[in-house]
Amino acid sequence: MIGNRKYLEALFNESIHIGKPYHRTKGTIWVTIRNASTATMNLERAGTQGPEKLTLPANTTTVLKTGVDQNAKQAKLSYVVRNFLIAPDKSLPIDLTIDLQ
């Protein structure tokens, strides 16, 4: 998709639903991410936390396993959505925020 950043960002934010961690061990969590849209979203890590690549298929729930700081109240995973372009060769940057409490 190609479009204005504010519209693609709104589409992403309305489509992606992050659940609460359902399993946690020392320094690791498992969480579900639901993509309620009809578009598959291909994410590539822009930060240091989370998988390098993450595909969120359309109308599907995906399980994500990632490392976290044991004492953190939130985990923030920085990505770019490779198939959401906001300018030529510029993908939409997004943050996935996971509440850990």
PDB file of N, CA and C in Angstrom:
ATOM      1  N   MET A   1       0.836  -1.174   0.000  1.00  0.00           N
ATOM      2  CA  MET A   1       0.000   0.000   0.000  1.00  0.00           C
ATOM      3  C   MET A   1       0.882   1.239   0.000  1.00  0.00           C
ATOM      4  N   ILE A   2       0.409   2.240  -0.660  1.00  0.00           N
ATOM      5  CA  ILE A   2       1.110   3.522  -0.695  1.00  0.00           C
ATOM      6  C   ILE A   2       0.114   4.581  -0.258  1.00  0.00           C
ATOM      7  N   GLY A   3       0.536   5.466   0.639  1.00  0.00           N
ATOM      8  CA  GLY A   3      -0.385   6.502   1.081  1.00  0.00           C
ATOM      9  C   GLY A   3       0.242   7.469   2.068  1.00  0.00           C
ATOM     10  N   ASN A   4      -0.580   8.399   2.490  1.00  0.00           N
ATOM     11  CA  ASN A   4      -0.191   9.386   3.479  1.00  0.00           C
ATOM     12  C   ASN A   4       0.079   8.681   4.804  1.00  0.00           C
ATOM     13  N   ARG A   5       1.125   9.111   5.490  1.00  0.00           N
ATOM     14  CA  ARG A   5       1.522   8.468   6.745  1.00  0.00           C
ATOM     15  C   ARG A   5       0.383   8.405   7.754  1.00  0.00           C
ATOM     16  N   LYS A   6      -0.359   9.497   7.916  1.00  0.00           N
ATOM     17  CA  LYS A   6      -1.397   9.495   8.951  1.00  0.00           C
ATOM     18  C   LYS A   6      -2.501   8.487   8.658  1.00  0.00           C
ATOM     19  N   TYR A   7      -2.804   8.251   7.377  1.00  0.00           N
ATOM     20  CA  TYR A   7      -3.846   7.284   7.035  1.00  0.00           C
ATOM     21  C   TYR A   7      -3.360   5.840   7.189  1.00  0.00           C
ATOM     22  N   LEU A   8      -2.127   5.580   6.746  1.00  0.00           N
ATOM     23  CA  LEU A   8      -1.582   4.230   6.903  1.00  0.00           C
ATOM     24  C   LEU A   8      -1.339   3.897   8.372  1.00  0.00           C
ATOM     25  N   GLU A   9      -0.905   4.888   9.134  1.00  0.00           N
ATOM     26  CA  GLU A   9      -0.708   4.689  10.567  1.00  0.00           C
ATOM     27  C   GLU A   9      -2.041   4.389  11.257  1.00  0.00           C
ATOM     28  N   ALA A  10      -3.083   5.123  10.887  1.00  0.00           N
ATOM     29  CA  ALA A  10      -4.418   4.881  11.461  1.00  0.00           C
ATOM     30  C   ALA A  10      -4.919   3.489  11.083  1.00  0.00           C
ATOM     31  N   LEU A  11      -4.717   3.086   9.839  1.00  0.00           N
ATOM     32  CA  LEU A  11      -5.125   1.753   9.398  1.00  0.00           C
ATOM     33  C   LEU A  11      -4.386   0.679  10.203  1.00  0.00           C
ATOM     34  N   PHE A  12      -3.098   0.849  10.366  1.00  0.00           N
ATOM     35  CA  PHE A  12      -2.314  -0.115  11.146  1.00  0.00           C
ATOM     36  C   PHE A  12      -2.816  -0.176  12.586  1.00  0.00           C
ATOM     37  N   ASN A  13      -2.972   0.974  13.215  1.00  0.00           N
ATOM     38  CA  ASN A  13      -3.376   1.024  14.626  1.00  0.00           C
ATOM     39  C   ASN A  13      -4.774   0.454  14.863  1.00  0.00           C
ATOM     40  N   GLU A  14      -5.664   0.619  13.918  1.00  0.00           N
ATOM     41  CA  GLU A  14      -7.021   0.078  14.058  1.00  0.00           C
ATOM     42  C   GLU A  14      -7.073  -1.426  13.765  1.00  0.00           C
ATOM     43  N   SER A  15      -6.104  -1.924  13.023  1.00  0.00           N
ATOM     44  CA  SER A  15      -6.108  -3.322  12.599  1.00  0.00           C
ATOM     45  C   SER A  15      -5.360  -4.259  13.536  1.00  0.00           C
ATOM     46  N   ILE A  16      -4.361  -3.751  14.222  1.00  0.00           N
ATOM     47  CA  ILE A  16      -3.485  -4.594  15.041  1.00  0.00           C
ATOM     48  C   ILE A  16      -3.892  -4.503  16.510  1.00  0.00           C
ATOM     49  N   HIS A  17      -4.126  -5.661  17.118  1.00  0.00           N
ATOM     50  CA  HIS A  17      -4.538  -5.740  18.520  1.00  0.00           C
ATOM     51  C   HIS A  17      -3.565  -6.657  19.251  1.00  0.00           C
ATOM     52  N   ILE A  18      -2.893  -6.102  20.252  1.00  0.00           N
ATOM     53  CA  ILE A  18      -1.899  -6.858  21.013  1.00  0.00           C
ATOM     54  C   ILE A  18      -2.516  -7.301  22.326  1.00  0.00           C
ATOM     55  N   GLY A  19      -2.477  -8.592  22.584  1.00  0.00           N
ATOM     56  CA  GLY A  19      -3.013  -9.130  23.827  1.00  0.00           C
ATOM     57  C   GLY A  19      -2.027  -8.966  24.969  1.00  0.00           C
ATOM     58  N   LYS A  20      -2.466  -9.309  26.145  1.00  0.00           N
ATOM     59  CA  LYS A  20      -1.575  -9.320  27.304  1.00  0.00           C
ATOM     60  C   LYS A  20      -0.728 -10.586  27.225  1.00  0.00           C
ATOM     61  N   PRO A  21       0.505 -10.528  27.720  1.00  0.00           N
ATOM     62  CA  PRO A  21       1.325 -11.744  27.721  1.00  0.00           C
ATOM     63  C   PRO A  21       0.600 -12.878  28.437  1.00  0.00           C
ATOM     64  N   TYR A  22       0.553 -14.026  27.799  1.00  0.00           N
ATOM     65  CA  TYR A  22      -0.143 -15.162  28.408  1.00  0.00           C
ATOM     66  C   TYR A  22       0.842 -16.146  29.022  1.00  0.00           C
ATOM     67  N   HIS A  23       2.120 -15.945  28.762  1.00  0.00           N
ATOM     68  CA  HIS A  23       3.141 -16.786  29.387  1.00  0.00           C
ATOM     69  C   HIS A  23       4.392 -15.935  29.554  1.00  0.00           C
ATOM     70  N   ARG A  24       5.003 -16.052  30.705  1.00  0.00           N
ATOM     71  CA  ARG A  24       6.201 -15.262  30.969  1.00  0.00           C
ATOM     72  C   ARG A  24       7.183 -16.105  31.762  1.00  0.00           C
ATOM     73  N   THR A  25       8.424 -16.109  31.311  1.00  0.00           N
ATOM     74  CA  THR A  25       9.499 -16.739  32.055  1.00  0.00           C
ATOM     75  C   THR A  25      10.537 -15.662  32.309  1.00  0.00           C
ATOM     76  N   LYS A  26      11.604 -16.022  32.953  1.00  0.00           N
ATOM     77  CA  LYS A  26      12.649 -15.043  33.264  1.00  0.00           C
ATOM     78  C   LYS A  26      13.182 -14.405  31.972  1.00  0.00           C
ATOM     79  N   GLY A  27      12.782 -13.179  31.723  1.00  0.00           N
ATOM     80  CA  GLY A  27      13.280 -12.442  30.571  1.00  0.00           C
ATOM     81  C   GLY A  27      12.616 -12.727  29.235  1.00  0.00           C
ATOM     82  N   THR A  28      11.543 -13.533  29.191  1.00  0.00           N
ATOM     83  CA  THR A  28      10.876 -13.859  27.926  1.00  0.00           C
ATOM     84  C   THR A  28       9.358 -13.826  28.104  1.00  0.00           C
ATOM     85  N   ILE A  29       8.659 -13.326  27.092  1.00  0.00           N
ATOM     86  CA  ILE A  29       7.191 -13.341  27.099  1.00  0.00           C
ATOM     87  C   ILE A  29       6.672 -13.952  25.810  1.00  0.00           C
ATOM     88  N   TRP A  30       5.447 -14.454  25.865  1.00  0.00           N
ATOM     89  CA  TRP A  30       4.686 -14.899  24.706  1.00  0.00           C
ATOM     90  C   TRP A  30       3.413 -14.066  24.700  1.00  0.00           C
ATOM     91  N   VAL A  31       3.104 -13.473  23.564  1.00  0.00           N
ATOM     92  CA  VAL A  31       1.942 -12.601  23.440  1.00  0.00           C
ATOM     93  C   VAL A  31       1.292 -12.838  22.081  1.00  0.00           C
ATOM     94  N   THR A  32      -0.030 -12.626  22.012  1.00  0.00           N
ATOM     95  CA  THR A  32      -0.722 -12.761  20.732  1.00  0.00           C
ATOM     96  C   THR A  32      -0.885 -11.388  20.084  1.00  0.00           C
ATOM     97  N   ILE A  33      -0.780 -11.379  18.754  1.00  0.00           N
ATOM     98  CA  ILE A  33      -1.013 -10.171  17.964  1.00  0.00           C
ATOM     99  C   ILE A  33      -2.042 -10.525  16.912  1.00  0.00           C
ATOM    100  N   ARG A  34      -3.157  -9.818  16.911  1.00  0.00           N
ATOM    101  CA  ARG A  34      -4.249 -10.060  15.959  1.00  0.00           C
ATOM    102  C   ARG A  34      -4.225  -9.006  14.870  1.00  0.00           C
ATOM    103  N   ASN A  35      -4.222  -9.445  13.623  1.00  0.00           N
ATOM    104  CA  ASN A  35      -4.349  -8.553  12.473  1.00  0.00           C
ATOM    105  C   ASN A  35      -5.786  -8.706  11.970  1.00  0.00           C
ATOM    106  N   ALA A  36      -6.626  -7.722  12.258  1.00  0.00           N
ATOM    107  CA  ALA A  36      -8.036  -7.778  11.884  1.00  0.00           C
ATOM    108  C   ALA A  36      -8.304  -7.228  10.485  1.00  0.00           C
ATOM    109  N   SER A  37      -7.274  -6.822   9.774  1.00  0.00           N
ATOM    110  CA  SER A  37      -7.479  -6.257   8.438  1.00  0.00           C
ATOM    111  C   SER A  37      -7.447  -7.360   7.377  1.00  0.00           C
ATOM    112  N   THR A  38      -7.717  -6.969   6.148  1.00  0.00           N
ATOM    113  CA  THR A  38      -7.668  -7.907   5.027  1.00  0.00           C
ATOM    114  C   THR A  38      -6.309  -7.855   4.326  1.00  0.00           C
ATOM    115  N   ALA A  39      -5.363  -7.130   4.904  1.00  0.00           N
ATOM    116  CA  ALA A  39      -4.026  -7.009   4.315  1.00  0.00           C
ATOM    117  C   ALA A  39      -2.992  -7.672   5.222  1.00  0.00           C
ATOM    118  N   THR A  40      -2.145  -8.493   4.640  1.00  0.00           N
ATOM    119  CA  THR A  40      -1.019  -9.048   5.375  1.00  0.00           C
ATOM    120  C   THR A  40      -0.006  -7.930   5.592  1.00  0.00           C
ATOM    121  N   MET A  41       0.578  -7.878   6.776  1.00  0.00           N
ATOM    122  CA  MET A  41       1.551  -6.833   7.097  1.00  0.00           C
ATOM    123  C   MET A  41       2.907  -7.474   7.345  1.00  0.00           C
ATOM    124  N   ASN A  42       3.905  -6.979   6.624  1.00  0.00           N
ATOM    125  CA  ASN A  42       5.267  -7.494   6.720  1.00  0.00           C
ATOM    126  C   ASN A  42       6.121  -6.485   7.482  1.00  0.00           C
ATOM    127  N   LEU A  43       6.540  -6.870   8.684  1.00  0.00           N
ATOM    128  CA  LEU A  43       7.303  -5.985   9.541  1.00  0.00           C
ATOM    129  C   LEU A  43       8.769  -6.389   9.567  1.00  0.00           C
ATOM    130  N   GLU A  44       9.619  -5.367   9.635  1.00  0.00           N
ATOM    131  CA  GLU A  44      11.052  -5.581   9.766  1.00  0.00           C
ATOM    132  C   GLU A  44      11.536  -4.768  10.955  1.00  0.00           C
ATOM    133  N   ARG A  45      12.314  -5.410  11.813  1.00  0.00           N
ATOM    134  CA  ARG A  45      12.750  -4.753  13.052  1.00  0.00           C
ATOM    135  C   ARG A  45      13.579  -3.514  12.755  1.00  0.00           C
ATOM    136  N   ALA A  46      13.273  -2.423  13.474  1.00  0.00           N
ATOM    137  CA  ALA A  46      14.024  -1.181  13.365  1.00  0.00           C
ATOM    138  C   ALA A  46      14.775  -0.897  14.664  1.00  0.00           C
ATOM    139  N   GLY A  47      14.414  -1.614  15.724  1.00  0.00           N
ATOM    140  CA  GLY A  47      15.065  -1.444  17.021  1.00  0.00           C
ATOM    141  C   GLY A  47      15.927  -2.646  17.343  1.00  0.00           C
ATOM    142  N   THR A  48      16.080  -2.909  18.637  1.00  0.00           N
ATOM    143  CA  THR A  48      16.948  -4.001  19.073  1.00  0.00           C
ATOM    144  C   THR A  48      16.181  -5.173  19.660  1.00  0.00           C
ATOM    145  N   GLN A  49      14.883  -5.024  19.863  1.00  0.00           N
ATOM    146  CA  GLN A  49      14.089  -6.050  20.516  1.00  0.00           C
ATOM    147  C   GLN A  49      13.068  -6.650  19.563  1.00  0.00           C
ATOM    148  N   GLY A  50      12.802  -7.939  19.717  1.00  0.00           N
ATOM    149  CA  GLY A  50      11.815  -8.623  18.884  1.00  0.00           C
ATOM    150  C   GLY A  50      12.468  -9.347  17.726  1.00  0.00           C
ATOM    151  N   PRO A  51      11.678 -10.172  17.030  1.00  0.00           N
ATOM    152  CA  PRO A  51      12.215 -10.901  15.865  1.00  0.00           C
ATOM    153  C   PRO A  51      12.627  -9.932  14.756  1.00  0.00           C
ATOM    154  N   GLU A  52      13.623 -10.324  13.967  1.00  0.00           N
ATOM    155  CA  GLU A  52      14.089  -9.461  12.868  1.00  0.00           C
ATOM    156  C   GLU A  52      12.989  -9.196  11.857  1.00  0.00           C
ATOM    157  N   LYS A  53      12.229 -10.229  11.522  1.00  0.00           N
ATOM    158  CA  LYS A  53      11.109 -10.097  10.586  1.00  0.00           C
ATOM    159  C   LYS A  53       9.879 -10.704  11.228  1.00  0.00           C
ATOM    160  N   LEU A  54       8.751 -10.079  10.967  1.00  0.00           N
ATOM    161  CA  LEU A  54       7.493 -10.534  11.544  1.00  0.00           C
ATOM    162  C   LEU A  54       6.408 -10.352  10.502  1.00  0.00           C
ATOM    163  N   THR A  55       5.747 -11.446  10.126  1.00  0.00           N
ATOM    164  CA  THR A  55       4.645 -11.386   9.177  1.00  0.00           C
ATOM    165  C   THR A  55       3.349 -11.563   9.946  1.00  0.00           C
ATOM    166  N   LEU A  56       2.428 -10.617   9.762  1.00  0.00           N
ATOM    167  CA  LEU A  56       1.112 -10.667  10.391  1.00  0.00           C
ATOM    168  C   LEU A  56       0.084 -10.905   9.284  1.00  0.00           C
ATOM    169  N   PRO A  57      -0.270 -12.176   9.030  1.00  0.00           N
ATOM    170  CA  PRO A  57      -1.227 -12.476   7.959  1.00  0.00           C
ATOM    171  C   PRO A  57      -2.597 -11.841   8.218  1.00  0.00           C
ATOM    172  N   ALA A  58      -3.301 -11.546   7.152  1.00  0.00           N
ATOM    173  CA  ALA A  58      -4.637 -10.949   7.236  1.00  0.00           C
ATOM    174  C   ALA A  58      -5.578 -11.836   8.033  1.00  0.00           C
ATOM    175  N   ASN A  59      -6.411 -11.205   8.856  1.00  0.00           N
ATOM    176  CA  ASN A  59      -7.442 -11.898   9.640  1.00  0.00           C
ATOM    177  C   ASN A  59      -6.899 -13.099  10.423  1.00  0.00           C
ATOM    178  N   THR A  60      -5.768 -12.928  11.033  1.00  0.00           N
ATOM    179  CA  THR A  60      -5.111 -14.023  11.740  1.00  0.00           C
ATOM    180  C   THR A  60      -4.503 -13.528  13.048  1.00  0.00           C
ATOM    181  N   THR A  61      -4.390 -14.444  14.007  1.00  0.00           N
ATOM    182  CA  THR A  61      -3.693 -14.152  15.254  1.00  0.00           C
ATOM    183  C   THR A  61      -2.348 -14.864  15.212  1.00  0.00           C
ATOM    184  N   THR A  62      -1.300 -14.144  15.552  1.00  0.00           N
ATOM    185  CA  THR A  62       0.064 -14.648  15.539  1.00  0.00           C
ATOM    186  C   THR A  62       0.609 -14.646  16.964  1.00  0.00           C
ATOM    187  N   VAL A  63       1.377 -15.663  17.310  1.00  0.00           N
ATOM    188  CA  VAL A  63       2.030 -15.710  18.619  1.00  0.00           C
ATOM    189  C   VAL A  63       3.447 -15.169  18.463  1.00  0.00           C
ATOM    190  N   LEU A  64       3.802 -14.233  19.335  1.00  0.00           N
ATOM    191  CA  LEU A  64       5.119 -13.611  19.308  1.00  0.00           C
ATOM    192  C   LEU A  64       5.851 -13.950  20.595  1.00  0.00           C
ATOM    193  N   LYS A  65       7.072 -14.410  20.464  1.00  0.00           N
ATOM    194  CA  LYS A  65       7.945 -14.667  21.617  1.00  0.00           C
ATOM    195  C   LYS A  65       9.079 -13.665  21.532  1.00  0.00           C
ATOM    196  N   THR A  66       9.326 -12.953  22.624  1.00  0.00           N
ATOM    197  CA  THR A  66      10.406 -11.977  22.630  1.00  0.00           C
ATOM    198  C   THR A  66      11.000 -11.842  24.019  1.00  0.00           C
ATOM    199  N   GLY A  67      12.214 -11.420  24.065  1.00  0.00           N
ATOM    200  CA  GLY A  67      12.875 -11.148  25.330  1.00  0.00           C
ATOM    201  C   GLY A  67      12.454  -9.788  25.865  1.00  0.00           C
ATOM    202  N   VAL A  68      12.383  -9.677  27.195  1.00  0.00           N
ATOM    203  CA  VAL A  68      12.034  -8.415  27.849  1.00  0.00           C
ATOM    204  C   VAL A  68      12.852  -8.268  29.119  1.00  0.00           C
ATOM    205  N   ASP A  69      12.959  -7.037  29.569  1.00  0.00           N
ATOM    206  CA  ASP A  69      13.582  -6.763  30.861  1.00  0.00           C
ATOM    207  C   ASP A  69      12.636  -7.274  31.945  1.00  0.00           C
ATOM    208  N   GLN A  70      13.159  -8.015  32.890  1.00  0.00           N
ATOM    209  CA  GLN A  70      12.328  -8.628  33.931  1.00  0.00           C
ATOM    210  C   GLN A  70      11.507  -7.621  34.727  1.00  0.00           C
ATOM    211  N   ASN A  71      12.020  -6.426  34.934  1.00  0.00           N
ATOM    212  CA  ASN A  71      11.352  -5.436  35.773  1.00  0.00           C
ATOM    213  C   ASN A  71      10.543  -4.414  34.978  1.00  0.00           C
ATOM    214  N   ALA A  72      10.533  -4.529  33.666  1.00  0.00           N
ATOM    215  CA  ALA A  72       9.833  -3.555  32.822  1.00  0.00           C
ATOM    216  C   ALA A  72       8.318  -3.677  32.974  1.00  0.00           C
ATOM    217  N   LYS A  73       7.637  -2.550  32.828  1.00  0.00           N
ATOM    218  CA  LYS A  73       6.177  -2.531  32.863  1.00  0.00           C
ATOM    219  C   LYS A  73       5.602  -2.565  31.446  1.00  0.00           C
ATOM    220  N   GLN A  74       6.440  -2.204  30.468  1.00  0.00           N
ATOM    221  CA  GLN A  74       6.051  -2.242  29.063  1.00  0.00           C
ATOM    222  C   GLN A  74       7.244  -2.672  28.224  1.00  0.00           C
ATOM    223  N   ALA A  75       6.951  -3.278  27.104  1.00  0.00           N
ATOM    224  CA  ALA A  75       7.977  -3.582  26.102  1.00  0.00           C
ATOM    225  C   ALA A  75       7.598  -2.823  24.839  1.00  0.00           C
ATOM    226  N   LYS A  76       8.561  -2.146  24.250  1.00  0.00           N
ATOM    227  CA  LYS A  76       8.308  -1.386  23.031  1.00  0.00           C
ATOM    228  C   LYS A  76       9.181  -1.969  21.927  1.00  0.00           C
ATOM    229  N   LEU A  77       8.523  -2.517  20.907  1.00  0.00           N
ATOM    230  CA  LEU A  77       9.219  -3.118  19.778  1.00  0.00           C
ATOM    231  C   LEU A  77       9.078  -2.187  18.578  1.00  0.00           C
ATOM    232  N   SER A  78      10.193  -1.726  18.042  1.00  0.00           N
ATOM    233  CA  SER A  78      10.180  -0.797  16.906  1.00  0.00           C
ATOM    234  C   SER A  78      10.344  -1.559  15.599  1.00  0.00           C
ATOM    235  N   TYR A  79       9.448  -1.278  14.663  1.00  0.00           N
ATOM    236  CA  TYR A  79       9.444  -1.934  13.351  1.00  0.00           C
ATOM    237  C   TYR A  79       9.133  -0.916  12.257  1.00  0.00           C
ATOM    238  N   VAL A  80       9.340  -1.347  11.017  1.00  0.00           N
ATOM    239  CA  VAL A  80       8.798  -0.642   9.854  1.00  0.00           C
ATOM    240  C   VAL A  80       7.912  -1.650   9.133  1.00  0.00           C
ATOM    241  N   VAL A  81       6.788  -1.173   8.616  1.00  0.00           N
ATOM    242  CA  VAL A  81       5.872  -2.029   7.864  1.00  0.00           C
ATOM    243  C   VAL A  81       6.323  -1.947   6.403  1.00  0.00           C
ATOM    244  N   ARG A  82       7.006  -2.993   5.936  1.00  0.00           N
ATOM    245  CA  ARG A  82       7.647  -2.969   4.620  1.00  0.00           C
ATOM    246  C   ARG A  82       6.664  -2.793   3.466  1.00  0.00           C
ATOM    247  N   ASN A  83       5.440  -3.251   3.612  1.00  0.00           N
ATOM    248  CA  ASN A  83       4.487  -3.128   2.507  1.00  0.00           C
ATOM    249  C   ASN A  83       3.520  -1.962   2.694  1.00  0.00           C
ATOM    250  N   PHE A  84       3.832  -1.023   3.592  1.00  0.00           N
ATOM    251  CA  PHE A  84       3.094   0.239   3.743  1.00  0.00           C
ATOM    252  C   PHE A  84       4.096   1.356   3.445  1.00  0.00           C
ATOM    253  N   LEU A  85       4.009   1.935   2.258  1.00  0.00           N
ATOM    254  CA  LEU A  85       4.964   2.967   1.852  1.00  0.00           C
ATOM    255  C   LEU A  85       4.382   4.360   2.052  1.00  0.00           C
ATOM    256  N   ILE A  86       5.163   5.231   2.732  1.00  0.00           N
ATOM    257  CA  ILE A  86       4.726   6.608   2.964  1.00  0.00           C
ATOM    258  C   ILE A  86       5.461   7.590   2.049  1.00  0.00           C
ATOM    259  N   ALA A  87       6.457   7.112   1.338  1.00  0.00           N
ATOM    260  CA  ALA A  87       7.214   7.870   0.342  1.00  0.00           C
ATOM    261  C   ALA A  87       7.975   6.829  -0.478  1.00  0.00           C
ATOM    262  N   PRO A  88       8.533   7.237  -1.623  1.00  0.00           N
ATOM    263  CA  PRO A  88       9.302   6.262  -2.401  1.00  0.00           C
ATOM    264  C   PRO A  88      10.411   5.635  -1.536  1.00  0.00           C
ATOM    265  N   ASP A  89      10.422   4.328  -1.459  1.00  0.00           N
ATOM    266  CA  ASP A  89      11.417   3.568  -0.694  1.00  0.00           C
ATOM    267  C   ASP A  89      11.437   3.889   0.799  1.00  0.00           C
ATOM    268  N   LYS A  90      10.321   4.380   1.353  1.00  0.00           N
ATOM    269  CA  LYS A  90      10.251   4.667   2.791  1.00  0.00           C
ATOM    270  C   LYS A  90       9.021   3.977   3.384  1.00  0.00           C
ATOM    271  N   SER A  91       9.296   2.994   4.244  1.00  0.00           N
ATOM    272  CA  SER A  91       8.226   2.220   4.880  1.00  0.00           C
ATOM    273  C   SER A  91       7.734   2.918   6.140  1.00  0.00           C
ATOM    274  N   LEU A  92       6.504   2.581   6.528  1.00  0.00           N
ATOM    275  CA  LEU A  92       5.871   3.163   7.705  1.00  0.00           C
ATOM    276  C   LEU A  92       6.550   2.675   8.983  1.00  0.00           C
ATOM    277  N   PRO A  93       7.106   3.589   9.801  1.00  0.00           N
ATOM    278  CA  PRO A  93       7.660   3.180  11.090  1.00  0.00           C
ATOM    279  C   PRO A  93       6.537   3.066  12.126  1.00  0.00           C
ATOM    280  N   ILE A  94       6.606   2.025  12.936  1.00  0.00           N
ATOM    281  CA  ILE A  94       5.595   1.820  13.984  1.00  0.00           C
ATOM    282  C   ILE A  94       6.270   1.241  15.226  1.00  0.00           C
ATOM    283  N   ASP A  95       5.582   1.366  16.347  1.00  0.00           N
ATOM    284  CA  ASP A  95       6.014   0.744  17.590  1.00  0.00           C
ATOM    285  C   ASP A  95       4.905  -0.170  18.074  1.00  0.00           C
ATOM    286  N   LEU A  96       5.270  -1.378  18.450  1.00  0.00           N
ATOM    287  CA  LEU A  96       4.336  -2.290  19.100  1.00  0.00           C
ATOM    288  C   LEU A  96       4.599  -2.189  20.595  1.00  0.00           C
ATOM    289  N   THR A  97       3.615  -1.712  21.345  1.00  0.00           N
ATOM    290  CA  THR A  97       3.775  -1.559  22.776  1.00  0.00           C
ATOM    291  C   THR A  97       3.008  -2.665  23.476  1.00  0.00           C
ATOM    292  N   ILE A  98       3.715  -3.405  24.318  1.00  0.00           N
ATOM    293  CA  ILE A  98       3.124  -4.540  25.037  1.00  0.00           C
ATOM    294  C   ILE A  98       3.115  -4.219  26.522  1.00  0.00           C
ATOM    295  N   ASP A  99       1.925  -4.177  27.118  1.00  0.00           N
ATOM    296  CA  ASP A  99       1.810  -3.980  28.559  1.00  0.00           C
ATOM    297  C   ASP A  99       2.183  -5.279  29.248  1.00  0.00           C
ATOM    298  N   LEU A 100       3.090  -5.208  30.193  1.00  0.00           N
ATOM    299  CA  LEU A 100       3.603  -6.408  30.837  1.00  0.00           C
ATOM    300  C   LEU A 100       2.987  -6.662  32.216  1.00  0.00           C
ATOM    301  N   GLN A 101       2.066  -5.837  32.622  1.00  0.00           N
ATOM    302  CA  GLN A 101       1.452  -6.014  33.942  1.00  0.00           C
ATOM    303  C   GLN A 101       0.129  -6.704  33.855  1.00  0.00           C
TER     304      GLN A 101
END
